[in-house]
Amino acid sequence: MSIYSFVCLKCGNKEEHIRHMKDANKRCMCICGAKMNRDLQADIPFASGDYHNGAVHSDSLAINPDQREEHLKTFPNIELDAKNRPVFDNFQNHQAYLDKCNIVKERKKVRPKGKIIA
């Protein structure tokens, strides 16, 4: 079950409902009596991969503590946090790291922001 956001186009009321994924787009009634629509922009989680919000700590690229010394020799400009995750402060460093490690990252599909399902 997940939390889904809804907005009323008539009065602007916003509500969150816990639902099964199969019922995510099922409309609900507002307190004003109008039907509410899904607010997809409100449902988009804050991404940990936003470089403008600070450094990105990559869980998927975390290394074994035994490899820490080797990592620091190979990538002196990429620091590791306490959990041995590489920390990236911009896209270019992140992509260069992936390229040097021969890792191909599949791009995720981005939903358009602010779109309401009627």
C-alpha atoms as a PDB file:
ATOM      1  CA  MET A   1       0.000   0.000   0.000  1.00  0.00           C
ATOM      2  CA  SER A   2       1.177   3.516  -0.795  1.00  0.00           C
ATOM      3  CA  ILE A   3       0.199   7.084  -0.080  1.00  0.00           C
ATOM      4  CA  TYR A   4      -1.329   8.986  -3.006  1.00  0.00           C
ATOM      5  CA  SER A   5      -2.079  12.699  -3.193  1.00  0.00           C
ATOM      6  CA  PHE A   6      -5.338  14.121  -4.530  1.00  0.00           C
ATOM      7  CA  VAL A   7      -6.460  17.654  -5.324  1.00  0.00           C
ATOM      8  CA  CYS A   8      -9.911  19.129  -5.866  1.00  0.00           C
ATOM      9  CA  LEU A   9     -10.086  21.293  -8.970  1.00  0.00           C
ATOM     10  CA  LYS A  10     -13.179  23.053  -7.623  1.00  0.00           C
ATOM     11  CA  CYS A  11     -12.035  24.227  -4.173  1.00  0.00           C
ATOM     12  CA  GLY A  12      -8.289  23.397  -4.211  1.00  0.00           C
ATOM     13  CA  ASN A  13      -8.493  21.054  -1.215  1.00  0.00           C
ATOM     14  CA  LYS A  14      -5.568  18.584  -1.010  1.00  0.00           C
ATOM     15  CA  GLU A  15      -5.703  15.175   0.659  1.00  0.00           C
ATOM     16  CA  GLU A  16      -3.574  12.055   0.919  1.00  0.00           C
ATOM     17  CA  HIS A  17      -5.047   8.546   0.829  1.00  0.00           C
ATOM     18  CA  ILE A  18      -3.477   5.160   1.525  1.00  0.00           C
ATOM     19  CA  ARG A  19      -4.381   2.724  -1.249  1.00  0.00           C
ATOM     20  CA  HIS A  20      -3.335  -0.370  -3.115  1.00  0.00           C
ATOM     21  CA  MET A  21      -1.476   0.354  -6.354  1.00  0.00           C
ATOM     22  CA  LYS A  22      -4.365  -1.042  -8.378  1.00  0.00           C
ATOM     23  CA  ASP A  23      -6.643   1.655  -6.882  1.00  0.00           C
ATOM     24  CA  ALA A  24      -4.126   4.521  -7.170  1.00  0.00           C
ATOM     25  CA  ASN A  25      -6.065   6.433  -9.834  1.00  0.00           C
ATOM     26  CA  LYS A  26      -9.515   5.749  -8.425  1.00  0.00           C
ATOM     27  CA  ARG A  27     -11.155   9.102  -7.761  1.00  0.00           C
ATOM     28  CA  CYS A  28     -12.408  10.167  -4.345  1.00  0.00           C
ATOM     29  CA  MET A  29     -14.888  12.789  -3.190  1.00  0.00           C
ATOM     30  CA  CYS A  30     -13.887  16.139  -1.744  1.00  0.00           C
ATOM     31  CA  ILE A  31     -15.633  17.679   1.261  1.00  0.00           C
ATOM     32  CA  CYS A  32     -17.157  20.229  -1.140  1.00  0.00           C
ATOM     33  CA  GLY A  33     -18.849  17.383  -3.046  1.00  0.00           C
ATOM     34  CA  ALA A  34     -16.682  17.495  -6.185  1.00  0.00           C
ATOM     35  CA  LYS A  35     -14.538  14.601  -7.372  1.00  0.00           C
ATOM     36  CA  MET A  36     -10.834  14.833  -6.600  1.00  0.00           C
ATOM     37  CA  ASN A  37      -8.059  13.995  -9.086  1.00  0.00           C
ATOM     38  CA  ARG A  38      -4.592  12.522  -8.490  1.00  0.00           C
ATOM     39  CA  ASP A  39      -1.899  15.150  -8.004  1.00  0.00           C
ATOM     40  CA  LEU A  40       1.116  13.488  -9.613  1.00  0.00           C
ATOM     41  CA  GLN A  41       3.509  16.309  -8.792  1.00  0.00           C
ATOM     42  CA  ALA A  42       2.851  15.858  -5.087  1.00  0.00           C
ATOM     43  CA  ASP A  43       3.473  12.095  -5.439  1.00  0.00           C
ATOM     44  CA  ILE A  44       6.973  12.527  -6.881  1.00  0.00           C
ATOM     45  CA  PRO A  45       9.434  11.787  -4.068  1.00  0.00           C
ATOM     46  CA  PHE A  46      12.391  14.050  -3.479  1.00  0.00           C
ATOM     47  CA  ALA A  47      15.221  12.361  -5.300  1.00  0.00           C
ATOM     48  CA  SER A  48      18.469  11.695  -3.520  1.00  0.00           C
ATOM     49  CA  GLY A  49      20.164  12.217  -6.873  1.00  0.00           C
ATOM     50  CA  ASP A  50      19.587  15.962  -7.007  1.00  0.00           C
ATOM     51  CA  TYR A  51      23.019  17.568  -7.081  1.00  0.00           C
ATOM     52  CA  HIS A  52      21.554  21.033  -6.447  1.00  0.00           C
ATOM     53  CA  ASN A  53      20.267  19.807  -3.046  1.00  0.00           C
ATOM     54  CA  GLY A  54      23.753  18.734  -1.955  1.00  0.00           C
ATOM     55  CA  ALA A  55      26.051  15.810  -2.492  1.00  0.00           C
ATOM     56  CA  VAL A  56      24.755  12.445  -3.688  1.00  0.00           C
ATOM     57  CA  HIS A  57      25.698   9.386  -1.611  1.00  0.00           C
ATOM     58  CA  SER A  58      25.362   6.351  -3.880  1.00  0.00           C
ATOM     59  CA  ASP A  59      24.043   3.255  -2.077  1.00  0.00           C
ATOM     60  CA  SER A  60      24.278   1.180  -5.245  1.00  0.00           C
ATOM     61  CA  LEU A  61      28.011   1.927  -5.636  1.00  0.00           C
ATOM     62  CA  ALA A  62      28.994   1.259  -2.017  1.00  0.00           C
ATOM     63  CA  ILE A  63      32.204  -0.730  -1.655  1.00  0.00           C
ATOM     64  CA  ASN A  64      33.554  -3.283   0.780  1.00  0.00           C
ATOM     65  CA  PRO A  65      35.558  -1.642   3.616  1.00  0.00           C
ATOM     66  CA  ASP A  66      38.578  -3.723   2.529  1.00  0.00           C
ATOM     67  CA  GLN A  67      38.563  -1.878  -0.819  1.00  0.00           C
ATOM     68  CA  ARG A  68      38.638   1.604   0.723  1.00  0.00           C
ATOM     69  CA  GLU A  69      42.406   2.121   0.319  1.00  0.00           C
ATOM     70  CA  GLU A  70      42.354   0.932  -3.298  1.00  0.00           C
ATOM     71  CA  HIS A  71      39.412   3.234  -4.031  1.00  0.00           C
ATOM     72  CA  LEU A  72      41.227   6.264  -2.626  1.00  0.00           C
ATOM     73  CA  LYS A  73      44.238   5.523  -4.860  1.00  0.00           C
ATOM     74  CA  THR A  74      42.122   4.994  -7.972  1.00  0.00           C
ATOM     75  CA  PHE A  75      39.680   7.862  -7.353  1.00  0.00           C
ATOM     76  CA  PRO A  76      41.461  10.486  -5.227  1.00  0.00           C
ATOM     77  CA  ASN A  77      38.821  13.143  -5.993  1.00  0.00           C
ATOM     78  CA  ILE A  78      35.835  10.941  -5.002  1.00  0.00           C
ATOM     79  CA  GLU A  79      35.426  10.756  -1.230  1.00  0.00           C
ATOM     80  CA  LEU A  80      33.759   7.912   0.615  1.00  0.00           C
ATOM     81  CA  ASP A  81      31.328   8.440   3.483  1.00  0.00           C
ATOM     82  CA  ALA A  82      31.228   6.425   6.730  1.00  0.00           C
ATOM     83  CA  LYS A  83      29.176   3.697   4.998  1.00  0.00           C
ATOM     84  CA  ASN A  84      31.755   3.375   2.184  1.00  0.00           C
ATOM     85  CA  ARG A  85      29.469   5.004  -0.364  1.00  0.00           C
ATOM     86  CA  PRO A  86      31.048   7.276  -2.988  1.00  0.00           C
ATOM     87  CA  VAL A  87      29.960  10.896  -2.651  1.00  0.00           C
ATOM     88  CA  PHE A  88      29.351  12.907  -5.827  1.00  0.00           C
ATOM     89  CA  ASP A  89      28.839  16.662  -5.923  1.00  0.00           C
ATOM     90  CA  ASN A  90      28.119  16.942  -9.646  1.00  0.00           C
ATOM     91  CA  PHE A  91      26.958  14.887 -12.604  1.00  0.00           C
ATOM     92  CA  GLN A  92      30.303  15.003 -14.429  1.00  0.00           C
ATOM     93  CA  ASN A  93      32.188  13.345 -11.536  1.00  0.00           C
ATOM     94  CA  HIS A  94      29.439  10.763 -11.145  1.00  0.00           C
ATOM     95  CA  GLN A  95      29.445   9.891 -14.856  1.00  0.00           C
ATOM     96  CA  ALA A  96      33.276   9.792 -15.004  1.00  0.00           C
ATOM     97  CA  TYR A  97      33.271   7.354 -12.074  1.00  0.00           C
ATOM     98  CA  LEU A  98      30.731   5.107 -13.811  1.00  0.00           C
ATOM     99  CA  ASP A  99      32.690   5.234 -17.077  1.00  0.00           C
ATOM    100  CA  LYS A 100      36.001   4.355 -15.405  1.00  0.00           C
ATOM    101  CA  CYS A 101      34.332   1.415 -13.609  1.00  0.00           C
ATOM    102  CA  ASN A 102      32.657   0.273 -16.869  1.00  0.00           C
ATOM    103  CA  ILE A 103      29.198   0.631 -15.342  1.00  0.00           C
ATOM    104  CA  VAL A 104      26.306   1.445 -17.653  1.00  0.00           C
ATOM    105  CA  LYS A 105      23.479   3.125 -15.818  1.00  0.00           C
ATOM    106  CA  GLU A 106      20.017   2.779 -17.298  1.00  0.00           C
ATOM    107  CA  ARG A 107      18.215   6.090 -17.229  1.00  0.00           C
ATOM    108  CA  LYS A 108      14.937   6.059 -15.362  1.00  0.00           C
ATOM    109  CA  LYS A 109      11.812   7.346 -17.020  1.00  0.00           C
ATOM    110  CA  VAL A 110      10.695  10.669 -15.601  1.00  0.00           C
ATOM    111  CA  ARG A 111       7.026  11.464 -15.242  1.00  0.00           C
ATOM    112  CA  PRO A 112       5.980  14.937 -16.330  1.00  0.00           C
ATOM    113  CA  LYS A 113       5.542  17.279 -13.409  1.00  0.00           C
ATOM    114  CA  GLY A 114       2.214  18.816 -12.513  1.00  0.00           C
ATOM    115  CA  LYS A 115       0.089  16.497 -14.602  1.00  0.00           C
ATOM    116  CA  ILE A 116      -3.270  15.554 -13.107  1.00  0.00           C
ATOM    117  CA  ILE A 117      -5.046  12.354 -14.076  1.00  0.00           C
ATOM    118  CA  ALA A 118      -8.715  13.044 -14.690  1.00  0.00           C
END
